[in-house]
N, C-alpha and C. Protein backbone atom coordinates (compact mmCIF):
# COMPACT_ATOMS: atom_id res chain seq x y z
N UNK A 1 -10.36 80.05 -11.34
CA UNK A 1 -9.48 79.57 -12.39
C UNK A 1 -10.25 78.58 -13.26
N UNK A 2 -10.01 78.62 -14.55
CA UNK A 2 -10.74 77.77 -15.49
C UNK A 2 -10.25 76.33 -15.42
N UNK A 3 -11.06 75.43 -15.96
CA UNK A 3 -10.68 74.02 -16.03
C UNK A 3 -9.39 73.87 -16.84
N UNK A 4 -9.29 74.65 -17.91
CA UNK A 4 -8.08 74.61 -18.76
C UNK A 4 -6.85 75.01 -17.94
N UNK A 5 -6.96 76.10 -17.18
CA UNK A 5 -5.84 76.56 -16.36
C UNK A 5 -5.44 75.50 -15.34
N UNK A 6 -6.45 74.86 -14.74
CA UNK A 6 -6.16 73.79 -13.77
C UNK A 6 -5.45 72.62 -14.44
N UNK A 7 -5.87 72.28 -15.66
CA UNK A 7 -5.24 71.19 -16.41
C UNK A 7 -3.77 71.52 -16.69
N UNK A 8 -3.51 72.75 -17.12
CA UNK A 8 -2.13 73.17 -17.39
C UNK A 8 -1.31 73.11 -16.11
N UNK A 9 -1.85 73.64 -15.01
CA UNK A 9 -1.12 73.63 -13.74
C UNK A 9 -0.80 72.19 -13.30
N UNK A 10 -1.75 71.27 -13.54
CA UNK A 10 -1.51 69.87 -13.17
C UNK A 10 -0.36 69.27 -13.95
N UNK A 11 -0.32 69.52 -15.28
CA UNK A 11 0.79 68.90 -16.02
C UNK A 11 2.11 69.61 -15.77
N UNK A 12 2.06 70.87 -15.37
CA UNK A 12 3.31 71.53 -14.98
C UNK A 12 3.87 70.88 -13.71
N UNK A 13 3.00 70.61 -12.76
CA UNK A 13 3.45 69.94 -11.52
C UNK A 13 4.01 68.56 -11.85
N UNK A 14 3.36 67.84 -12.76
CA UNK A 14 3.85 66.52 -13.18
C UNK A 14 5.23 66.67 -13.84
N UNK A 15 5.37 67.66 -14.71
CA UNK A 15 6.65 67.92 -15.37
C UNK A 15 7.76 68.15 -14.34
N UNK A 16 7.47 69.01 -13.37
CA UNK A 16 8.46 69.32 -12.34
C UNK A 16 8.85 68.07 -11.55
N UNK A 17 7.84 67.27 -11.20
CA UNK A 17 8.12 66.05 -10.42
C UNK A 17 8.92 65.05 -11.24
N UNK A 18 8.52 64.82 -12.49
CA UNK A 18 9.20 63.83 -13.34
C UNK A 18 10.61 64.24 -13.73
N UNK A 19 10.85 65.54 -13.79
CA UNK A 19 12.15 66.02 -14.24
C UNK A 19 13.01 66.61 -13.12
N UNK A 20 12.52 66.51 -11.88
CA UNK A 20 13.27 66.99 -10.74
C UNK A 20 13.57 68.48 -10.80
N UNK A 21 12.60 69.24 -11.31
CA UNK A 21 12.79 70.68 -11.48
C UNK A 21 12.44 71.41 -10.19
N UNK A 22 13.39 72.22 -9.73
CA UNK A 22 13.16 73.14 -8.62
C UNK A 22 13.66 74.50 -9.08
N UNK A 23 12.94 75.54 -8.79
CA UNK A 23 13.37 76.87 -9.21
C UNK A 23 12.88 77.20 -10.61
N UNK A 24 13.57 78.12 -11.28
CA UNK A 24 13.12 78.59 -12.59
C UNK A 24 13.04 77.47 -13.62
N UNK A 25 12.08 77.60 -14.54
CA UNK A 25 11.95 76.60 -15.60
C UNK A 25 11.71 77.27 -16.94
N UNK A 26 12.15 76.60 -17.99
CA UNK A 26 12.00 77.06 -19.36
C UNK A 26 10.63 76.59 -19.87
N UNK A 27 9.73 77.54 -20.15
CA UNK A 27 8.37 77.17 -20.56
C UNK A 27 8.35 76.48 -21.92
N UNK A 28 9.35 76.74 -22.76
CA UNK A 28 9.42 76.01 -24.03
C UNK A 28 9.72 74.53 -23.79
N UNK A 29 10.55 74.24 -22.80
CA UNK A 29 10.83 72.85 -22.43
C UNK A 29 9.57 72.19 -21.87
N UNK A 30 8.83 72.91 -21.03
CA UNK A 30 7.58 72.38 -20.48
C UNK A 30 6.60 72.09 -21.62
N UNK A 31 6.46 73.05 -22.55
CA UNK A 31 5.53 72.89 -23.66
C UNK A 31 5.93 71.69 -24.53
N UNK A 32 7.21 71.57 -24.82
CA UNK A 32 7.70 70.45 -25.63
C UNK A 32 7.40 69.12 -24.94
N UNK A 33 7.65 69.07 -23.66
CA UNK A 33 7.37 67.86 -22.87
C UNK A 33 5.87 67.55 -22.88
N UNK A 34 5.03 68.56 -22.68
CA UNK A 34 3.58 68.36 -22.67
C UNK A 34 3.09 67.86 -24.03
N UNK A 35 3.65 68.41 -25.10
CA UNK A 35 3.28 67.99 -26.46
C UNK A 35 3.69 66.53 -26.69
N UNK A 36 4.96 66.19 -26.35
CA UNK A 36 5.46 64.82 -26.54
C UNK A 36 4.64 63.81 -25.75
N UNK A 37 4.17 64.20 -24.57
CA UNK A 37 3.43 63.29 -23.71
C UNK A 37 1.92 63.33 -23.95
N UNK A 38 1.50 64.04 -24.99
CA UNK A 38 0.08 64.08 -25.34
C UNK A 38 -0.80 64.79 -24.32
N UNK A 39 -0.20 65.66 -23.52
CA UNK A 39 -0.95 66.35 -22.48
C UNK A 39 -1.54 67.67 -22.96
N UNK A 40 -1.01 68.18 -24.06
CA UNK A 40 -1.51 69.45 -24.58
C UNK A 40 -1.67 69.30 -26.09
N UNK A 41 -2.89 69.22 -26.51
CA UNK A 41 -3.20 69.04 -27.92
C UNK A 41 -3.94 70.28 -28.41
N UNK A 42 -3.24 71.15 -29.14
CA UNK A 42 -3.90 72.37 -29.59
C UNK A 42 -4.99 72.09 -30.63
N UNK A 43 -6.06 72.86 -30.53
CA UNK A 43 -7.13 72.78 -31.53
C UNK A 43 -6.91 73.90 -32.54
N UNK A 44 -7.77 73.98 -33.55
CA UNK A 44 -7.60 74.98 -34.62
C UNK A 44 -7.58 76.40 -34.04
N UNK A 45 -8.43 76.68 -33.05
CA UNK A 45 -8.46 78.03 -32.45
C UNK A 45 -7.12 78.35 -31.79
N UNK A 46 -6.55 77.37 -31.11
CA UNK A 46 -5.26 77.57 -30.46
C UNK A 46 -4.18 77.86 -31.49
N UNK A 47 -4.20 77.13 -32.60
CA UNK A 47 -3.21 77.34 -33.66
C UNK A 47 -3.39 78.73 -34.27
N UNK A 48 -4.63 79.12 -34.55
CA UNK A 48 -4.91 80.45 -35.11
C UNK A 48 -4.49 81.54 -34.13
N UNK A 49 -4.78 81.34 -32.84
CA UNK A 49 -4.35 82.30 -31.83
C UNK A 49 -2.83 82.43 -31.79
N UNK A 50 -2.12 81.31 -31.94
CA UNK A 50 -0.66 81.33 -31.93
C UNK A 50 -0.12 82.09 -33.14
N UNK A 51 -0.73 81.88 -34.30
CA UNK A 51 -0.30 82.59 -35.51
C UNK A 51 -0.59 84.08 -35.36
N UNK A 52 -1.77 84.42 -34.84
CA UNK A 52 -2.11 85.82 -34.62
C UNK A 52 -1.14 86.46 -33.63
N UNK A 53 -0.74 85.72 -32.60
CA UNK A 53 0.23 86.23 -31.62
C UNK A 53 1.59 86.48 -32.30
N UNK A 54 1.97 85.59 -33.21
CA UNK A 54 3.22 85.78 -33.96
C UNK A 54 3.14 87.05 -34.81
N UNK A 55 2.02 87.25 -35.49
CA UNK A 55 1.84 88.45 -36.32
C UNK A 55 1.90 89.70 -35.44
N UNK A 56 1.22 89.64 -34.30
CA UNK A 56 1.23 90.78 -33.38
C UNK A 56 2.65 91.09 -32.92
N UNK A 57 3.44 90.04 -32.68
CA UNK A 57 4.83 90.26 -32.25
C UNK A 57 5.62 90.95 -33.36
N UNK A 58 5.41 90.54 -34.61
CA UNK A 58 6.07 91.20 -35.74
C UNK A 58 5.66 92.66 -35.80
N UNK A 59 4.36 92.93 -35.61
CA UNK A 59 3.88 94.31 -35.61
C UNK A 59 4.53 95.12 -34.49
N UNK A 60 4.62 94.52 -33.27
CA UNK A 60 5.21 95.22 -32.13
C UNK A 60 6.67 95.57 -32.37
N UNK A 61 7.36 94.73 -33.13
CA UNK A 61 8.80 94.90 -33.34
C UNK A 61 9.14 95.85 -34.49
N UNK A 62 8.14 96.30 -35.24
CA UNK A 62 8.43 97.17 -36.38
C UNK A 62 8.56 98.62 -35.91
N UNK A 63 9.74 99.15 -36.07
CA UNK A 63 10.03 100.54 -35.73
C UNK A 63 10.47 101.28 -36.98
N UNK A 64 10.22 102.57 -36.98
CA UNK A 64 10.67 103.44 -38.06
C UNK A 64 11.30 104.67 -37.43
N UNK A 65 11.94 105.49 -38.26
CA UNK A 65 12.55 106.73 -37.78
C UNK A 65 11.91 107.89 -38.53
N UNK A 66 11.48 108.92 -37.78
CA UNK A 66 10.85 110.07 -38.43
C UNK A 66 11.91 111.07 -38.90
N UNK A 67 11.47 112.16 -39.49
CA UNK A 67 12.39 113.16 -40.05
C UNK A 67 13.25 113.84 -38.98
N UNK A 68 12.85 113.75 -37.72
CA UNK A 68 13.61 114.35 -36.61
C UNK A 68 14.55 113.33 -35.96
N UNK A 69 14.60 112.11 -36.54
CA UNK A 69 15.49 111.09 -36.00
C UNK A 69 14.91 110.31 -34.83
N UNK A 70 13.60 110.47 -34.57
CA UNK A 70 12.97 109.75 -33.46
C UNK A 70 12.52 108.37 -33.93
N UNK A 71 12.89 107.37 -33.17
CA UNK A 71 12.50 105.98 -33.47
C UNK A 71 11.13 105.74 -32.86
N UNK A 72 10.17 105.31 -33.68
CA UNK A 72 8.81 105.10 -33.17
C UNK A 72 8.25 103.76 -33.61
N UNK A 73 7.32 103.26 -32.79
CA UNK A 73 6.63 102.01 -33.15
C UNK A 73 5.66 102.31 -34.28
N UNK A 74 5.69 101.47 -35.32
CA UNK A 74 4.87 101.70 -36.50
C UNK A 74 3.42 101.25 -36.31
N UNK A 75 3.20 100.17 -35.60
CA UNK A 75 1.87 99.57 -35.50
C UNK A 75 1.36 99.61 -34.06
N UNK A 76 0.07 99.90 -33.94
CA UNK A 76 -0.53 100.05 -32.60
C UNK A 76 -1.85 99.32 -32.52
N UNK A 77 -2.05 98.62 -31.41
CA UNK A 77 -3.27 97.85 -31.19
C UNK A 77 -4.20 98.60 -30.25
N UNK A 78 -5.49 98.39 -30.47
CA UNK A 78 -6.51 98.87 -29.54
C UNK A 78 -7.56 97.77 -29.46
N UNK A 79 -7.98 97.48 -28.24
CA UNK A 79 -9.01 96.45 -28.08
C UNK A 79 -10.40 97.08 -28.14
N UNK A 80 -11.32 96.31 -28.69
CA UNK A 80 -12.71 96.73 -28.84
C UNK A 80 -13.61 95.57 -28.49
N UNK A 81 -14.69 95.84 -27.78
CA UNK A 81 -15.69 94.81 -27.49
C UNK A 81 -16.64 94.74 -28.67
N UNK A 82 -16.94 93.52 -29.11
CA UNK A 82 -17.93 93.30 -30.15
C UNK A 82 -18.80 92.15 -29.67
N UNK A 83 -19.93 92.51 -29.08
CA UNK A 83 -20.77 91.49 -28.46
C UNK A 83 -20.04 90.92 -27.25
N UNK A 84 -19.84 89.60 -27.24
CA UNK A 84 -19.13 88.96 -26.13
C UNK A 84 -17.64 88.80 -26.43
N UNK A 85 -17.23 89.17 -27.63
CA UNK A 85 -15.82 89.01 -28.03
C UNK A 85 -15.06 90.32 -27.85
N UNK A 86 -13.79 90.19 -27.54
CA UNK A 86 -12.89 91.33 -27.50
C UNK A 86 -11.94 91.19 -28.68
N UNK A 87 -11.94 92.19 -29.53
CA UNK A 87 -11.07 92.18 -30.70
C UNK A 87 -9.87 93.09 -30.46
N UNK A 88 -8.74 92.67 -30.96
CA UNK A 88 -7.55 93.50 -30.92
C UNK A 88 -7.30 93.94 -32.36
N UNK A 89 -7.55 95.21 -32.63
CA UNK A 89 -7.40 95.75 -33.97
C UNK A 89 -6.09 96.53 -34.05
N UNK A 90 -5.37 96.36 -35.15
CA UNK A 90 -4.07 97.01 -35.33
C UNK A 90 -4.14 98.04 -36.43
N UNK A 91 -3.39 99.13 -36.27
CA UNK A 91 -3.31 100.16 -37.31
C UNK A 91 -1.88 100.67 -37.38
N UNK A 92 -1.50 101.04 -38.59
CA UNK A 92 -0.17 101.59 -38.85
C UNK A 92 -0.22 103.10 -38.63
N UNK A 93 0.72 103.61 -37.85
CA UNK A 93 0.77 105.03 -37.54
C UNK A 93 0.86 105.89 -38.80
N UNK A 94 1.45 105.35 -39.86
CA UNK A 94 1.62 106.10 -41.10
C UNK A 94 0.47 105.91 -42.09
N UNK A 95 -0.55 105.14 -41.71
CA UNK A 95 -1.69 104.90 -42.60
C UNK A 95 -2.66 106.07 -42.48
N UNK A 96 -2.81 106.88 -43.52
CA UNK A 96 -3.71 108.04 -43.43
C UNK A 96 -5.17 107.65 -43.26
N UNK A 97 -5.51 106.39 -43.52
CA UNK A 97 -6.89 105.93 -43.36
C UNK A 97 -7.20 105.41 -41.96
N UNK A 98 -6.16 105.26 -41.14
CA UNK A 98 -6.39 104.81 -39.76
C UNK A 98 -6.93 105.99 -38.95
N UNK A 99 -8.08 105.80 -38.31
CA UNK A 99 -8.71 106.93 -37.60
C UNK A 99 -7.95 107.38 -36.35
N UNK A 100 -7.99 108.67 -36.11
CA UNK A 100 -7.40 109.28 -34.92
C UNK A 100 -7.91 108.58 -33.66
N UNK A 101 -9.19 108.25 -33.64
CA UNK A 101 -9.80 107.61 -32.46
C UNK A 101 -9.12 106.28 -32.12
N UNK A 102 -8.62 105.58 -33.13
CA UNK A 102 -7.92 104.31 -32.88
C UNK A 102 -6.67 104.56 -32.04
N UNK A 103 -5.92 105.60 -32.39
CA UNK A 103 -4.67 105.88 -31.69
C UNK A 103 -4.92 106.47 -30.30
N UNK A 104 -5.96 107.27 -30.16
CA UNK A 104 -6.34 107.77 -28.83
C UNK A 104 -6.61 106.59 -27.91
N UNK A 105 -7.39 105.64 -28.40
CA UNK A 105 -7.75 104.46 -27.62
C UNK A 105 -6.50 103.60 -27.35
N UNK A 106 -5.69 103.38 -28.38
CA UNK A 106 -4.49 102.55 -28.24
C UNK A 106 -3.54 103.12 -27.19
N UNK A 107 -3.25 104.42 -27.28
CA UNK A 107 -2.30 105.04 -26.35
C UNK A 107 -2.86 105.03 -24.92
N UNK A 108 -4.15 105.26 -24.77
CA UNK A 108 -4.77 105.23 -23.44
C UNK A 108 -4.69 103.81 -22.86
N UNK A 109 -4.94 102.80 -23.69
CA UNK A 109 -4.87 101.42 -23.21
C UNK A 109 -3.44 101.03 -22.84
N UNK A 110 -2.48 101.46 -23.64
CA UNK A 110 -1.08 101.16 -23.30
C UNK A 110 -0.69 101.83 -21.98
N UNK A 111 -1.14 103.05 -21.76
CA UNK A 111 -0.84 103.74 -20.51
C UNK A 111 -1.44 102.96 -19.34
N UNK A 112 -2.67 102.48 -19.49
CA UNK A 112 -3.31 101.70 -18.42
C UNK A 112 -2.55 100.40 -18.16
N UNK A 113 -2.01 99.79 -19.22
CA UNK A 113 -1.20 98.58 -19.03
C UNK A 113 0.05 98.89 -18.20
N UNK A 114 0.67 100.03 -18.49
CA UNK A 114 1.86 100.43 -17.75
C UNK A 114 1.51 100.67 -16.28
N UNK A 115 0.41 101.35 -16.03
CA UNK A 115 -0.03 101.59 -14.65
C UNK A 115 -0.30 100.26 -13.95
N UNK A 116 -0.99 99.37 -14.64
CA UNK A 116 -1.27 98.04 -14.07
C UNK A 116 0.01 97.28 -13.77
N UNK A 117 0.99 97.36 -14.68
CA UNK A 117 2.27 96.70 -14.44
C UNK A 117 2.96 97.30 -13.22
N UNK A 118 2.89 98.61 -13.06
CA UNK A 118 3.52 99.26 -11.92
C UNK A 118 2.85 98.85 -10.61
N UNK A 119 1.54 98.79 -10.61
CA UNK A 119 0.81 98.36 -9.41
C UNK A 119 1.21 96.92 -9.04
N UNK A 120 1.26 96.05 -10.05
CA UNK A 120 1.62 94.66 -9.77
C UNK A 120 3.07 94.54 -9.31
N UNK A 121 3.97 95.30 -9.95
CA UNK A 121 5.37 95.28 -9.54
C UNK A 121 5.51 95.73 -8.08
N UNK A 122 4.83 96.81 -7.71
CA UNK A 122 4.90 97.30 -6.32
C UNK A 122 4.36 96.26 -5.35
N UNK A 123 3.25 95.63 -5.71
CA UNK A 123 2.67 94.58 -4.87
C UNK A 123 3.66 93.42 -4.71
N UNK A 124 4.26 92.98 -5.83
CA UNK A 124 5.20 91.86 -5.78
C UNK A 124 6.42 92.20 -4.91
N UNK A 125 6.94 93.41 -5.06
CA UNK A 125 8.09 93.83 -4.26
C UNK A 125 7.70 93.91 -2.78
N UNK A 126 6.52 94.48 -2.49
CA UNK A 126 6.07 94.58 -1.09
C UNK A 126 5.92 93.19 -0.47
N UNK A 127 5.33 92.26 -1.21
CA UNK A 127 5.15 90.90 -0.68
C UNK A 127 6.52 90.24 -0.49
N UNK A 128 7.41 90.40 -1.46
CA UNK A 128 8.77 89.85 -1.33
C UNK A 128 9.43 90.39 -0.06
N UNK A 129 9.40 91.72 0.10
CA UNK A 129 10.04 92.33 1.27
C UNK A 129 9.40 91.85 2.57
N UNK A 130 8.07 91.68 2.58
CA UNK A 130 7.38 91.20 3.78
C UNK A 130 7.73 89.75 4.09
N UNK A 131 7.83 88.91 3.06
CA UNK A 131 8.11 87.48 3.27
C UNK A 131 9.58 87.22 3.60
N UNK A 132 10.48 87.89 2.90
CA UNK A 132 11.91 87.62 3.05
C UNK A 132 12.57 88.50 4.11
N UNK A 133 11.98 89.65 4.43
CA UNK A 133 12.53 90.62 5.37
C UNK A 133 14.04 90.79 5.15
N UNK A 134 14.41 91.24 3.95
CA UNK A 134 15.85 91.42 3.69
C UNK A 134 16.42 92.57 4.50
N UNK A 135 17.73 92.52 4.73
CA UNK A 135 18.41 93.59 5.46
C UNK A 135 18.21 94.91 4.72
N UNK A 136 18.30 94.85 3.39
CA UNK A 136 18.04 96.02 2.56
C UNK A 136 16.81 95.72 1.70
N UNK A 137 15.63 96.14 2.15
CA UNK A 137 14.43 95.88 1.35
C UNK A 137 14.56 96.48 -0.05
N UNK A 138 13.99 95.79 -1.02
CA UNK A 138 14.03 96.28 -2.40
C UNK A 138 13.11 97.49 -2.50
N UNK A 139 13.63 98.55 -3.07
CA UNK A 139 12.87 99.77 -3.29
C UNK A 139 12.68 99.95 -4.79
N UNK A 140 11.47 100.21 -5.22
CA UNK A 140 11.19 100.42 -6.64
C UNK A 140 10.54 101.79 -6.82
N UNK A 141 11.31 102.78 -7.29
CA UNK A 141 10.69 104.08 -7.55
C UNK A 141 9.80 103.98 -8.79
N UNK A 142 8.63 104.58 -8.70
CA UNK A 142 7.67 104.51 -9.79
C UNK A 142 7.48 105.84 -10.52
N UNK A 143 8.30 106.82 -10.20
CA UNK A 143 8.26 108.09 -10.92
C UNK A 143 9.29 107.98 -12.04
N UNK A 144 8.82 107.92 -13.28
CA UNK A 144 9.69 107.70 -14.43
C UNK A 144 10.09 108.99 -15.15
N UNK A 145 9.77 110.12 -14.57
CA UNK A 145 10.02 111.41 -15.24
C UNK A 145 11.47 111.55 -15.67
N UNK A 146 12.41 111.33 -14.77
CA UNK A 146 13.83 111.49 -15.10
C UNK A 146 14.31 110.41 -16.07
N UNK A 147 13.80 109.18 -15.91
CA UNK A 147 14.18 108.09 -16.81
C UNK A 147 13.79 108.43 -18.25
N UNK A 148 12.56 108.91 -18.42
CA UNK A 148 12.08 109.26 -19.76
C UNK A 148 12.89 110.42 -20.33
N UNK A 149 13.12 111.45 -19.52
CA UNK A 149 13.90 112.60 -19.99
C UNK A 149 15.31 112.17 -20.41
N UNK A 150 15.92 111.30 -19.62
CA UNK A 150 17.28 110.85 -19.95
C UNK A 150 17.30 110.07 -21.27
N UNK A 151 16.33 109.19 -21.45
CA UNK A 151 16.30 108.38 -22.67
C UNK A 151 15.92 109.18 -23.91
N UNK A 152 15.31 110.33 -23.70
CA UNK A 152 14.96 111.18 -24.85
C UNK A 152 16.11 112.09 -25.27
N UNK A 153 17.18 112.12 -24.49
CA UNK A 153 18.33 112.96 -24.84
C UNK A 153 19.00 112.41 -26.09
N UNK A 154 19.42 113.29 -26.99
CA UNK A 154 20.12 112.80 -28.18
C UNK A 154 21.45 112.15 -27.80
N UNK A 155 21.82 111.13 -28.54
CA UNK A 155 23.10 110.47 -28.29
C UNK A 155 24.24 111.39 -28.66
N UNK A 156 25.20 111.48 -27.78
CA UNK A 156 26.37 112.31 -28.05
C UNK A 156 27.46 111.42 -28.64
N UNK A 157 28.08 111.89 -29.70
CA UNK A 157 29.17 111.15 -30.32
C UNK A 157 30.47 111.49 -29.61
N UNK A 158 31.22 110.46 -29.28
CA UNK A 158 32.51 110.65 -28.63
C UNK A 158 33.56 110.81 -29.71
N UNK A 159 34.38 111.86 -29.58
CA UNK A 159 35.40 112.15 -30.60
C UNK A 159 36.61 111.27 -30.44
């Protein structure tokens, strides 16, 4: 863990102790407290990263509808290594100048993220079940075939 991560973890523990927090916590409240107490002072890179994250969120939230009535995400990111830096480049699905290779990479990376999320979810559920030994252990099916098929069904109008 980095020195920065350790610093953040330390002030989170201080926040919890000073505010008597047990259980779930609102990270915006923690951030506000850290800012007020001078424990977290963002530099220009942090501010630029925050603005870029806001822009990325706007891109993620932009959906359009095609001629067949399918709602699709308009903007897609793909990461690229450039020297020691990793860049996240965005392209609009409707931009004829955006290369096919960008979308191949973007969709493959998103699929890997989903697989990674599934692996982590299964691990978390397994650890929970092992630690808590519930009467009914939590079961998480990871085959999404039927879920996807169901969500792709056209909406039926009720008369």
